[in-house]
């Protein structure tokens, strides 16, 4: 049985089992979207009449959900809805202030922080360049700075990453901020366990910086994984943080791709260590009390899902597991 919704006052019929996003786009309505998995939150819209299913509001801010906002890509409605574009997301003009190669395939991109743009370190924003090309990137910098720091994986065919290589001074648009990976400053003694691979380090670094800036007293264990030593691209910077913060320990996991040989032997450098064990195996041997810890997991969806299951089975309540899967 088909169900009718109204978008900006016009009626549209959805096929059985069809999402609001798929149905509207099928009928020629231009709804911004990217991942279609509910992660990027680009397709956020608002119901002015009717109630969207709770499953379409998972991961968005509680205040947004209270206003009727939902993710169109996750919404298969069970009742008629009147829908309009979401009006809660900040959209601001910015420009690229600087680009630095952190290793062969990772760029540090610094944006001008727009006045009034609110975010928390570890969340992500949508970055849009000329031509309407948009990509989500996690924020490694702290609020209050005049710059927003992003880490960008450089892809050979990347329409955004290749453009950013020479984009210093170019105008961009930022939207957001989104996501649940940010430090909670009302738990200064709770252990923090952070793990990710590649540019999944960006939100973890943001959370770590926020925790240290807030005077966090509990232990902080950060795990960063790569297939090669250069992929641990901020090792020296993390080492400086470790030297300044006795509660912080950093672990690097170098797991070569199949058929490749390790470049460096396992090593220990003060309170930060290198290992050739997989990052999920390292987490299983972490001395922190899983039941007491707050956990942040960032990287590929497969890794995040695997780590989430493991830390949950080790006793961490789901309410204290924060995930940022990079589905792009």
C-alpha atoms as a PDB file:
ATOM      1  CA  UNK A   1       0.000   0.000   0.000  1.00  0.00           C
ATOM      2  CA  UNK A   2       1.399   3.377  -1.000  1.00  0.00           C
ATOM      3  CA  UNK A   3       1.723   6.151   1.563  1.00  0.00           C
ATOM      4  CA  UNK A   4       1.438   9.848   0.757  1.00  0.00           C
ATOM      5  CA  UNK A   5       3.639  12.548   2.244  1.00  0.00           C
ATOM      6  CA  UNK A   6       3.785  16.271   1.563  1.00  0.00           C
ATOM      7  CA  UNK A   7       7.102  18.014   1.023  1.00  0.00           C
ATOM      8  CA  UNK A   8       7.014  21.817   1.024  1.00  0.00           C
ATOM      9  CA  UNK A   9       3.244  21.562   0.547  1.00  0.00           C
ATOM     10  CA  UNK A  10       3.313  19.267  -2.507  1.00  0.00           C
ATOM     11  CA  UNK A  11       2.046  15.641  -2.336  1.00  0.00           C
ATOM     12  CA  UNK A  12       4.277  12.658  -3.140  1.00  0.00           C
ATOM     13  CA  UNK A  13       3.566   8.945  -2.932  1.00  0.00           C
ATOM     14  CA  UNK A  14       6.090   6.518  -1.493  1.00  0.00           C
ATOM     15  CA  UNK A  15       6.358   2.925  -2.613  1.00  0.00           C
ATOM     16  CA  UNK A  16       6.057   0.185   0.026  1.00  0.00           C
ATOM     17  CA  UNK A  17       9.253   0.115   2.099  1.00  0.00           C
ATOM     18  CA  UNK A  18      10.658   3.213   0.388  1.00  0.00           C
ATOM     19  CA  UNK A  19      12.456   5.873   2.420  1.00  0.00           C
ATOM     20  CA  UNK A  20      11.451   9.521   2.294  1.00  0.00           C
ATOM     21  CA  UNK A  21      14.772  10.358   0.631  1.00  0.00           C
ATOM     22  CA  UNK A  22      14.499   7.671  -2.054  1.00  0.00           C
ATOM     23  CA  UNK A  23      10.863   8.509  -2.781  1.00  0.00           C
ATOM     24  CA  UNK A  24      11.400  12.228  -3.119  1.00  0.00           C
ATOM     25  CA  UNK A  25      14.525  11.856  -5.252  1.00  0.00           C
ATOM     26  CA  UNK A  26      12.744   9.306  -7.468  1.00  0.00           C
ATOM     27  CA  UNK A  27      10.124  11.965  -8.143  1.00  0.00           C
ATOM     28  CA  UNK A  28      12.639  14.685  -8.976  1.00  0.00           C
ATOM     29  CA  UNK A  29      12.939  16.474  -5.629  1.00  0.00           C
ATOM     30  CA  UNK A  30      16.486  17.620  -4.915  1.00  0.00           C
ATOM     31  CA  UNK A  31      17.264  16.604  -1.321  1.00  0.00           C
ATOM     32  CA  UNK A  32      20.903  16.955  -0.222  1.00  0.00           C
ATOM     33  CA  UNK A  33      22.331  13.534   0.590  1.00  0.00           C
ATOM     34  CA  UNK A  34      25.606  11.700   0.630  1.00  0.00           C
ATOM     35  CA  UNK A  35      26.114   8.503   2.625  1.00  0.00           C
ATOM     36  CA  UNK A  36      22.515   7.161   2.747  1.00  0.00           C
ATOM     37  CA  UNK A  37      23.400   5.302   5.953  1.00  0.00           C
ATOM     38  CA  UNK A  38      22.370   7.941   8.495  1.00  0.00           C
ATOM     39  CA  UNK A  39      25.935   8.910   9.388  1.00  0.00           C
ATOM     40  CA  UNK A  40      26.585  12.146   7.485  1.00  0.00           C
ATOM     41  CA  UNK A  41      23.207  13.706   8.433  1.00  0.00           C
ATOM     42  CA  UNK A  42      23.181  15.701   5.181  1.00  0.00           C
ATOM     43  CA  UNK A  43      19.571  14.706   4.466  1.00  0.00           C
ATOM     44  CA  UNK A  44      18.139  16.086   7.724  1.00  0.00           C
ATOM     45  CA  UNK A  45      14.563  17.334   7.244  1.00  0.00           C
ATOM     46  CA  UNK A  46      11.720  18.261   9.603  1.00  0.00           C
ATOM     47  CA  UNK A  47       8.202  16.912  10.027  1.00  0.00           C
ATOM     48  CA  UNK A  48       5.693  19.684  10.709  1.00  0.00           C
ATOM     49  CA  UNK A  49       2.820  17.189  10.926  1.00  0.00           C
ATOM     50  CA  UNK A  50       2.908  13.497  11.730  1.00  0.00           C
ATOM     51  CA  UNK A  51       5.538  11.563  13.674  1.00  0.00           C
ATOM     52  CA  UNK A  52       8.602  10.068  11.962  1.00  0.00           C
ATOM     53  CA  UNK A  53       9.717   6.650  13.243  1.00  0.00           C
ATOM     54  CA  UNK A  54      12.239   6.744  16.089  1.00  0.00           C
ATOM     55  CA  UNK A  55      14.737   4.820  13.962  1.00  0.00           C
ATOM     56  CA  UNK A  56      15.056   7.851  11.676  1.00  0.00           C
ATOM     57  CA  UNK A  57      16.140  10.080  14.581  1.00  0.00           C
ATOM     58  CA  UNK A  58      18.967   7.909  15.912  1.00  0.00           C
ATOM     59  CA  UNK A  59      22.202   9.884  16.237  1.00  0.00           C
ATOM     60  CA  UNK A  60      20.795  13.391  15.830  1.00  0.00           C
ATOM     61  CA  UNK A  61      20.699  15.958  18.608  1.00  0.00           C
ATOM     62  CA  UNK A  62      17.899  15.530  21.102  1.00  0.00           C
ATOM     63  CA  UNK A  63      16.808  19.132  20.603  1.00  0.00           C
ATOM     64  CA  UNK A  64      16.545  18.509  16.855  1.00  0.00           C
ATOM     65  CA  UNK A  65      14.488  15.366  17.366  1.00  0.00           C
ATOM     66  CA  UNK A  66      12.146  17.276  19.676  1.00  0.00           C
ATOM     67  CA  UNK A  67      11.499  19.726  16.827  1.00  0.00           C
ATOM     68  CA  UNK A  68      10.520  16.871  14.510  1.00  0.00           C
ATOM     69  CA  UNK A  69      13.791  16.593  12.612  1.00  0.00           C
ATOM     70  CA  UNK A  70      14.740  13.225  11.139  1.00  0.00           C
ATOM     71  CA  UNK A  71      17.063  11.614   8.610  1.00  0.00           C
ATOM     72  CA  UNK A  72      15.228  11.207   5.315  1.00  0.00           C
ATOM     73  CA  UNK A  73      17.500   8.333   4.244  1.00  0.00           C
ATOM     74  CA  UNK A  74      16.489   6.308   7.316  1.00  0.00           C
ATOM     75  CA  UNK A  75      12.784   7.142   7.375  1.00  0.00           C
ATOM     76  CA  UNK A  76      10.233   4.609   6.111  1.00  0.00           C
ATOM     77  CA  UNK A  77       7.129   6.334   7.528  1.00  0.00           C
ATOM     78  CA  UNK A  78       4.160   4.423   8.868  1.00  0.00           C
ATOM     79  CA  UNK A  79       1.836   7.429   8.750  1.00  0.00           C
ATOM     80  CA  UNK A  80       1.392  10.487   6.503  1.00  0.00           C
ATOM     81  CA  UNK A  81       3.931  13.243   7.090  1.00  0.00           C
ATOM     82  CA  UNK A  82       4.183  16.897   6.174  1.00  0.00           C
ATOM     83  CA  UNK A  83       7.878  17.615   5.654  1.00  0.00           C
ATOM     84  CA  UNK A  84      10.029  20.665   5.037  1.00  0.00           C
ATOM     85  CA  UNK A  85      13.800  21.234   4.838  1.00  0.00           C
ATOM     86  CA  UNK A  86      15.581  21.117   8.170  1.00  0.00           C
ATOM     87  CA  UNK A  87      16.325  24.612   9.425  1.00  0.00           C
ATOM     88  CA  UNK A  88      18.555  23.765  12.380  1.00  0.00           C
ATOM     89  CA  UNK A  89      21.942  23.213  10.728  1.00  0.00           C
ATOM     90  CA  UNK A  90      24.421  26.078  10.682  1.00  0.00           C
ATOM     91  CA  UNK A  91      25.668  27.004   7.208  1.00  0.00           C
ATOM     92  CA  UNK A  92      28.591  29.423   7.113  1.00  0.00           C
ATOM     93  CA  UNK A  93      31.035  30.846   4.607  1.00  0.00           C
ATOM     94  CA  UNK A  94      34.703  30.080   5.241  1.00  0.00           C
ATOM     95  CA  UNK A  95      37.995  29.827   3.384  1.00  0.00           C
ATOM     96  CA  UNK A  96      41.038  27.582   3.385  1.00  0.00           C
ATOM     97  CA  UNK A  97      43.836  29.168   5.407  1.00  0.00           C
ATOM     98  CA  UNK A  98      46.479  26.501   4.923  1.00  0.00           C
ATOM     99  CA  UNK A  99      47.194  22.953   3.746  1.00  0.00           C
ATOM    100  CA  UNK A 100      50.022  20.752   5.057  1.00  0.00           C
ATOM    101  CA  UNK A 101      51.014  17.219   4.073  1.00  0.00           C
ATOM    102  CA  UNK A 102      51.230  15.181   7.283  1.00  0.00           C
ATOM    103  CA  UNK A 103      52.316  12.094   5.350  1.00  0.00           C
ATOM    104  CA  UNK A 104      52.060  10.804   1.785  1.00  0.00           C
ATOM    105  CA  UNK A 105      48.292  10.377   1.913  1.00  0.00           C
ATOM    106  CA  UNK A 106      47.040  12.691   4.683  1.00  0.00           C
ATOM    107  CA  UNK A 107      46.583  16.461   4.570  1.00  0.00           C
ATOM    108  CA  UNK A 108      46.061  18.815   7.474  1.00  0.00           C
ATOM    109  CA  UNK A 109      43.608  21.449   6.247  1.00  0.00           C
ATOM    110  CA  UNK A 110      42.997  24.581   8.285  1.00  0.00           C
ATOM    111  CA  UNK A 111      39.836  26.581   7.682  1.00  0.00           C
ATOM    112  CA  UNK A 112      38.921  30.039   8.849  1.00  0.00           C
ATOM    113  CA  UNK A 113      36.550  29.574  11.795  1.00  0.00           C
ATOM    114  CA  UNK A 114      33.341  31.435  10.892  1.00  0.00           C
ATOM    115  CA  UNK A 115      31.989  33.757  13.546  1.00  0.00           C
ATOM    116  CA  UNK A 116      29.208  32.058  15.499  1.00  0.00           C
ATOM    117  CA  UNK A 117      29.890  28.578  14.093  1.00  0.00           C
ATOM    118  CA  UNK A 118      29.334  26.247  17.044  1.00  0.00           C
ATOM    119  CA  UNK A 119      31.020  22.878  17.366  1.00  0.00           C
ATOM    120  CA  UNK A 120      32.763  20.572  19.820  1.00  0.00           C
ATOM    121  CA  UNK A 121      36.144  19.028  19.104  1.00  0.00           C
ATOM    122  CA  UNK A 122      35.630  15.556  17.668  1.00  0.00           C
ATOM    123  CA  UNK A 123      32.382  16.318  15.863  1.00  0.00           C
ATOM    124  CA  UNK A 124      32.314  16.534  12.077  1.00  0.00           C
ATOM    125  CA  UNK A 125      31.240  19.134   9.550  1.00  0.00           C
ATOM    126  CA  UNK A 126      30.205  19.093   5.923  1.00  0.00           C
ATOM    127  CA  UNK A 127      32.726  20.936   3.754  1.00  0.00           C
ATOM    128  CA  UNK A 128      31.464  22.188   0.399  1.00  0.00           C
ATOM    129  CA  UNK A 129      33.729  23.476  -2.373  1.00  0.00           C
ATOM    130  CA  UNK A 130      32.917  25.224  -5.611  1.00  0.00           C
ATOM    131  CA  UNK A 131      30.834  23.110  -7.939  1.00  0.00           C
ATOM    132  CA  UNK A 132      28.632  21.887  -5.082  1.00  0.00           C
ATOM    133  CA  UNK A 133      30.951  19.005  -4.118  1.00  0.00           C
ATOM    134  CA  UNK A 134      30.588  18.227  -0.422  1.00  0.00           C
ATOM    135  CA  UNK A 135      32.363  15.846   1.963  1.00  0.00           C
ATOM    136  CA  UNK A 136      32.253  15.274   5.739  1.00  0.00           C
ATOM    137  CA  UNK A 137      35.408  15.753   7.826  1.00  0.00           C
ATOM    138  CA  UNK A 138      36.015  15.425  11.559  1.00  0.00           C
ATOM    139  CA  UNK A 139      37.237  18.375  13.602  1.00  0.00           C
ATOM    140  CA  UNK A 140      40.526  17.990  15.480  1.00  0.00           C
ATOM    141  CA  UNK A 141      40.756  21.556  16.838  1.00  0.00           C
ATOM    142  CA  UNK A 142      39.221  23.121  19.913  1.00  0.00           C
ATOM    143  CA  UNK A 143      36.368  25.668  19.849  1.00  0.00           C
ATOM    144  CA  UNK A 144      37.537  29.224  20.384  1.00  0.00           C
ATOM    145  CA  UNK A 145      40.394  28.978  17.913  1.00  0.00           C
ATOM    146  CA  UNK A 146      40.383  31.155  14.804  1.00  0.00           C
ATOM    147  CA  UNK A 147      41.097  27.996  12.759  1.00  0.00           C
ATOM    148  CA  UNK A 148      39.295  24.695  12.291  1.00  0.00           C
ATOM    149  CA  UNK A 149      41.650  21.759  11.783  1.00  0.00           C
ATOM    150  CA  UNK A 150      40.649  18.850   9.527  1.00  0.00           C
ATOM    151  CA  UNK A 151      42.584  15.729   8.496  1.00  0.00           C
ATOM    152  CA  UNK A 152      41.911  14.674   4.906  1.00  0.00           C
ATOM    153  CA  UNK A 153      42.814  11.365   3.286  1.00  0.00           C
ATOM    154  CA  UNK A 154      44.391  12.144  -0.058  1.00  0.00           C
ATOM    155  CA  UNK A 155      42.798   9.944  -2.720  1.00  0.00           C
ATOM    156  CA  UNK A 156      44.117   9.646  -6.281  1.00  0.00           C
ATOM    157  CA  UNK A 157      40.649  10.290  -7.721  1.00  0.00           C
ATOM    158  CA  UNK A 158      39.336  12.434  -4.862  1.00  0.00           C
ATOM    159  CA  UNK A 159      37.251  15.334  -6.164  1.00  0.00           C
ATOM    160  CA  UNK A 160      37.592  17.056  -2.794  1.00  0.00           C
ATOM    161  CA  UNK A 161      40.981  15.928  -1.499  1.00  0.00           C
ATOM    162  CA  UNK A 162      42.853  16.668  -4.736  1.00  0.00           C
ATOM    163  CA  UNK A 163      41.189  20.085  -4.933  1.00  0.00           C
ATOM    164  CA  UNK A 164      42.215  20.844  -1.351  1.00  0.00           C
ATOM    165  CA  UNK A 165      45.895  20.256  -2.088  1.00  0.00           C
ATOM    166  CA  UNK A 166      46.115  23.669  -3.765  1.00  0.00           C
ATOM    167  CA  UNK A 167      43.091  25.367  -2.206  1.00  0.00           C
ATOM    168  CA  UNK A 168      44.793  27.807   0.167  1.00  0.00           C
ATOM    169  CA  UNK A 169      42.858  31.061   0.004  1.00  0.00           C
ATOM    170  CA  UNK A 170      39.837  29.497  -1.730  1.00  0.00           C
ATOM    171  CA  UNK A 171      36.291  30.007  -0.440  1.00  0.00           C
ATOM    172  CA  UNK A 172      34.329  27.084   0.992  1.00  0.00           C
ATOM    173  CA  UNK A 173      31.097  26.522   2.899  1.00  0.00           C
ATOM    174  CA  UNK A 174      30.819  24.614   6.174  1.00  0.00           C
ATOM    175  CA  UNK A 175      27.669  23.004   7.578  1.00  0.00           C
ATOM    176  CA  UNK A 176      27.164  21.366  10.949  1.00  0.00           C
ATOM    177  CA  UNK A 177      28.366  20.406  13.380  1.00  0.00           C
ATOM    178  CA  UNK A 178      27.287  16.777  13.645  1.00  0.00           C
ATOM    179  CA  UNK A 179      28.105  13.661  15.622  1.00  0.00           C
ATOM    180  CA  UNK A 180      28.455  12.351  19.143  1.00  0.00           C
ATOM    181  CA  UNK A 181      32.243  11.994  19.399  1.00  0.00           C
ATOM    182  CA  UNK A 182      33.053  14.805  21.804  1.00  0.00           C
ATOM    183  CA  UNK A 183      34.375  15.106  25.346  1.00  0.00           C
ATOM    184  CA  UNK A 184      31.943  15.364  28.261  1.00  0.00           C
ATOM    185  CA  UNK A 185      33.453  17.691  30.831  1.00  0.00           C
ATOM    186  CA  UNK A 186      31.284  16.522  33.750  1.00  0.00           C
ATOM    187  CA  UNK A 187      33.272  13.271  34.158  1.00  0.00           C
ATOM    188  CA  UNK A 188      36.827  14.421  34.945  1.00  0.00           C
ATOM    189  CA  UNK A 189      37.829  11.130  36.621  1.00  0.00           C
ATOM    190  CA  UNK A 190      36.336   8.631  34.167  1.00  0.00           C
ATOM    191  CA  UNK A 191      38.836   6.581  32.101  1.00  0.00           C
ATOM    192  CA  UNK A 192      38.772   7.405  28.385  1.00  0.00           C
ATOM    193  CA  UNK A 193      39.555   4.777  25.756  1.00  0.00           C
ATOM    194  CA  UNK A 194      39.978   6.051  22.184  1.00  0.00           C
ATOM    195  CA  UNK A 195      40.760   3.941  19.115  1.00  0.00           C
ATOM    196  CA  UNK A 196      40.849   4.520  15.366  1.00  0.00           C
ATOM    197  CA  UNK A 197      42.776   4.093  12.148  1.00  0.00           C
ATOM    198  CA  UNK A 198      43.927   6.516   9.449  1.00  0.00           C
ATOM    199  CA  UNK A 199      42.277   9.927   9.666  1.00  0.00           C
ATOM    200  CA  UNK A 200      40.048   8.484  12.375  1.00  0.00           C
ATOM    201  CA  UNK A 201      42.751  10.078  14.505  1.00  0.00           C
ATOM    202  CA  UNK A 202      41.240  13.541  13.882  1.00  0.00           C
ATOM    203  CA  UNK A 203      38.159  13.182  16.130  1.00  0.00           C
ATOM    204  CA  UNK A 204      40.184  11.211  18.692  1.00  0.00           C
ATOM    205  CA  UNK A 205      42.750  14.009  18.814  1.00  0.00           C
ATOM    206  CA  UNK A 206      39.929  16.513  19.194  1.00  0.00           C
ATOM    207  CA  UNK A 207      38.467  14.589  22.149  1.00  0.00           C
ATOM    208  CA  UNK A 208      41.929  14.223  23.712  1.00  0.00           C
ATOM    209  CA  UNK A 209      42.724  17.921  23.331  1.00  0.00           C
ATOM    210  CA  UNK A 210      39.351  18.855  24.841  1.00  0.00           C
ATOM    211  CA  UNK A 211      39.873  16.485  27.777  1.00  0.00           C
ATOM    212  CA  UNK A 212      43.330  17.847  28.554  1.00  0.00           C
ATOM    213  CA  UNK A 213      42.165  21.458  28.165  1.00  0.00           C
ATOM    214  CA  UNK A 214      39.358  20.745  30.638  1.00  0.00           C
ATOM    215  CA  UNK A 215      41.758  19.320  33.225  1.00  0.00           C
ATOM    216  CA  UNK A 216      40.665  15.693  32.870  1.00  0.00           C
ATOM    217  CA  UNK A 217      42.165  13.670  35.725  1.00  0.00           C
ATOM    218  CA  UNK A 218      41.296  10.104  34.695  1.00  0.00           C
ATOM    219  CA  UNK A 219      43.552   7.969  32.494  1.00  0.00           C
ATOM    220  CA  UNK A 220      43.339   8.505  28.723  1.00  0.00           C
ATOM    221  CA  UNK A 221      44.468   5.701  26.418  1.00  0.00           C
ATOM    222  CA  UNK A 222      44.589   6.504  22.700  1.00  0.00           C
ATOM    223  CA  UNK A 223      45.164   3.840  20.022  1.00  0.00           C
ATOM    224  CA  UNK A 224      46.012   4.756  16.430  1.00  0.00           C
ATOM    225  CA  UNK A 225      46.390   2.088  13.748  1.00  0.00           C
ATOM    226  CA  UNK A 226      47.910   2.013  10.267  1.00  0.00           C
ATOM    227  CA  UNK A 227      49.363  -0.429   7.754  1.00  0.00           C
ATOM    228  CA  UNK A 228      52.695   1.450   7.762  1.00  0.00           C
ATOM    229  CA  UNK A 229      54.779   3.526  10.154  1.00  0.00           C
ATOM    230  CA  UNK A 230      54.303   6.779   8.208  1.00  0.00           C
ATOM    231  CA  UNK A 231      50.544   6.303   8.587  1.00  0.00           C
ATOM    232  CA  UNK A 232      50.929   7.116  12.294  1.00  0.00           C
ATOM    233  CA  UNK A 233      51.211  10.635  11.017  1.00  0.00           C
ATOM    234  CA  UNK A 234      51.137  12.725  14.212  1.00  0.00           C
ATOM    235  CA  UNK A 235      53.377  10.528  16.325  1.00  0.00           C
ATOM    236  CA  UNK A 236      55.713  13.363  17.357  1.00  0.00           C
ATOM    237  CA  UNK A 237      52.803  15.688  18.188  1.00  0.00           C
ATOM    238  CA  UNK A 238      51.130  12.965  20.228  1.00  0.00           C
ATOM    239  CA  UNK A 239      54.445  12.332  21.953  1.00  0.00           C
ATOM    240  CA  UNK A 240      54.576  15.982  23.016  1.00  0.00           C
ATOM    241  CA  UNK A 241      51.085  15.664  24.496  1.00  0.00           C
ATOM    242  CA  UNK A 242      52.169  12.556  26.399  1.00  0.00           C
ATOM    243  CA  UNK A 243      55.189  14.348  27.840  1.00  0.00           C
ATOM    244  CA  UNK A 244      52.956  17.177  29.074  1.00  0.00           C
ATOM    245  CA  UNK A 245      50.106  14.998  30.410  1.00  0.00           C
ATOM    246  CA  UNK A 246      50.965  12.099  32.753  1.00  0.00           C
ATOM    247  CA  UNK A 247      47.415  10.716  32.511  1.00  0.00           C
ATOM    248  CA  UNK A 248      47.781  10.158  28.742  1.00  0.00           C
ATOM    249  CA  UNK A 249      49.206   7.080  27.018  1.00  0.00           C
ATOM    250  CA  UNK A 250      49.358   6.567  23.244  1.00  0.00           C
ATOM    251  CA  UNK A 251      49.640   3.238  21.425  1.00  0.00           C
ATOM    252  CA  UNK A 252      50.478   2.807  17.752  1.00  0.00           C
ATOM    253  CA  UNK A 253      49.381  -0.292  15.860  1.00  0.00           C
ATOM    254  CA  UNK A 254      51.298  -1.060  12.638  1.00  0.00           C
ATOM    255  CA  UNK A 255      49.643  -3.987  10.908  1.00  0.00           C
ATOM    256  CA  UNK A 256      51.076  -4.361   7.378  1.00  0.00           C
ATOM    257  CA  UNK A 257      48.835  -5.285   4.482  1.00  0.00           C
ATOM    258  CA  UNK A 258      48.776  -8.940   3.499  1.00  0.00           C
ATOM    259  CA  UNK A 259      52.115  -9.989   2.031  1.00  0.00           C
ATOM    260  CA  UNK A 260      53.986  -6.913   3.261  1.00  0.00           C
ATOM    261  CA  UNK A 261      56.778  -6.958   5.823  1.00  0.00           C
ATOM    262  CA  UNK A 262      56.895  -4.732   8.910  1.00  0.00           C
ATOM    263  CA  UNK A 263      59.136  -1.701   8.477  1.00  0.00           C
ATOM    264  CA  UNK A 264      59.950  -1.308  12.163  1.00  0.00           C
ATOM    265  CA  UNK A 265      60.138  -3.803  15.034  1.00  0.00           C
ATOM    266  CA  UNK A 266      57.786  -3.315  17.993  1.00  0.00           C
ATOM    267  CA  UNK A 267      59.145  -0.519  20.162  1.00  0.00           C
ATOM    268  CA  UNK A 268      58.413   1.320  23.363  1.00  0.00           C
ATOM    269  CA  UNK A 269      58.970   5.059  23.698  1.00  0.00           C
ATOM    270  CA  UNK A 270      58.095   6.212  27.215  1.00  0.00           C
ATOM    271  CA  UNK A 271      54.337   6.271  27.700  1.00  0.00           C
ATOM    272  CA  UNK A 272      53.631   5.730  23.995  1.00  0.00           C
ATOM    273  CA  UNK A 273      54.332   2.416  22.332  1.00  0.00           C
ATOM    274  CA  UNK A 274      54.490   0.844  18.885  1.00  0.00           C
ATOM    275  CA  UNK A 275      53.178  -2.647  18.220  1.00  0.00           C
ATOM    276  CA  UNK A 276      52.559  -4.977  15.297  1.00  0.00           C
ATOM    277  CA  UNK A 277      49.398  -6.338  16.878  1.00  0.00           C
ATOM    278  CA  UNK A 278      46.023  -5.473  15.347  1.00  0.00           C
ATOM    279  CA  UNK A 279      44.340  -2.567  17.074  1.00  0.00           C
ATOM    280  CA  UNK A 280      41.396  -4.683  18.256  1.00  0.00           C
ATOM    281  CA  UNK A 281      43.777  -7.177  19.882  1.00  0.00           C
ATOM    282  CA  UNK A 282      45.551  -4.324  21.644  1.00  0.00           C
ATOM    283  CA  UNK A 283      42.232  -3.084  23.028  1.00  0.00           C
ATOM    284  CA  UNK A 284      41.482  -6.502  24.516  1.00  0.00           C
ATOM    285  CA  UNK A 285      44.641  -6.267  26.617  1.00  0.00           C
ATOM    286  CA  UNK A 286      44.127  -2.653  27.713  1.00  0.00           C
ATOM    287  CA  UNK A 287      44.330  -2.349  31.521  1.00  0.00           C
ATOM    288  CA  UNK A 288      41.495   0.184  31.819  1.00  0.00           C
ATOM    289  CA  UNK A 289      38.268  -0.995  33.464  1.00  0.00           C
ATOM    290  CA  UNK A 290      35.907  -1.429  30.507  1.00  0.00           C
ATOM    291  CA  UNK A 291      32.775  -1.030  32.609  1.00  0.00           C
ATOM    292  CA  UNK A 292      33.968   2.345  33.917  1.00  0.00           C
ATOM    293  CA  UNK A 293      35.436   3.716  30.681  1.00  0.00           C
ATOM    294  CA  UNK A 294      33.949   6.016  28.071  1.00  0.00           C
ATOM    295  CA  UNK A 295      34.940   4.734  24.638  1.00  0.00           C
ATOM    296  CA  UNK A 296      35.396   6.553  21.312  1.00  0.00           C
ATOM    297  CA  UNK A 297      35.803   4.543  18.089  1.00  0.00           C
ATOM    298  CA  UNK A 298      36.573   6.092  14.681  1.00  0.00           C
ATOM    299  CA  UNK A 299      37.561   4.754  11.272  1.00  0.00           C
ATOM    300  CA  UNK A 300      36.184   2.334   8.708  1.00  0.00           C
ATOM    301  CA  UNK A 301      32.669   0.993   9.385  1.00  0.00           C
ATOM    302  CA  UNK A 302      33.955  -2.577   9.605  1.00  0.00           C
ATOM    303  CA  UNK A 303      36.580  -1.635  12.188  1.00  0.00           C
ATOM    304  CA  UNK A 304      34.194   0.502  14.219  1.00  0.00           C
ATOM    305  CA  UNK A 305      31.537  -2.219  14.301  1.00  0.00           C
ATOM    306  CA  UNK A 306      34.096  -4.861  15.281  1.00  0.00           C
ATOM    307  CA  UNK A 307      35.592  -2.728  18.053  1.00  0.00           C
ATOM    308  CA  UNK A 308      32.167  -1.678  19.294  1.00  0.00           C
ATOM    309  CA  UNK A 309      31.133  -5.312  19.694  1.00  0.00           C
ATOM    310  CA  UNK A 310      34.357  -6.202  21.470  1.00  0.00           C
ATOM    311  CA  UNK A 311      34.279  -3.388  24.017  1.00  0.00           C
ATOM    312  CA  UNK A 312      30.577  -4.041  24.651  1.00  0.00           C
ATOM    313  CA  UNK A 313      31.268  -7.711  25.332  1.00  0.00           C
ATOM    314  CA  UNK A 314      34.055  -6.615  27.682  1.00  0.00           C
ATOM    315  CA  UNK A 315      31.492  -4.761  29.786  1.00  0.00           C
ATOM    316  CA  UNK A 316      31.217  -1.214  28.418  1.00  0.00           C
ATOM    317  CA  UNK A 317      27.573  -0.023  28.426  1.00  0.00           C
ATOM    318  CA  UNK A 318      26.337   1.059  24.996  1.00  0.00           C
ATOM    319  CA  UNK A 319      25.541   4.538  26.352  1.00  0.00           C
ATOM    320  CA  UNK A 320      29.281   5.084  26.855  1.00  0.00           C
ATOM    321  CA  UNK A 321      30.370   3.894  23.404  1.00  0.00           C
ATOM    322  CA  UNK A 322      30.626   6.732  20.866  1.00  0.00           C
ATOM    323  CA  UNK A 323      31.197   5.814  17.223  1.00  0.00           C
ATOM    324  CA  UNK A 324      32.170   7.755  14.117  1.00  0.00           C
ATOM    325  CA  UNK A 325      32.327   5.333  11.185  1.00  0.00           C
ATOM    326  CA  UNK A 326      33.924   6.817   8.070  1.00  0.00           C
ATOM    327  CA  UNK A 327      31.624   5.572   5.316  1.00  0.00           C
ATOM    328  CA  UNK A 328      32.963   7.838   2.557  1.00  0.00           C
END
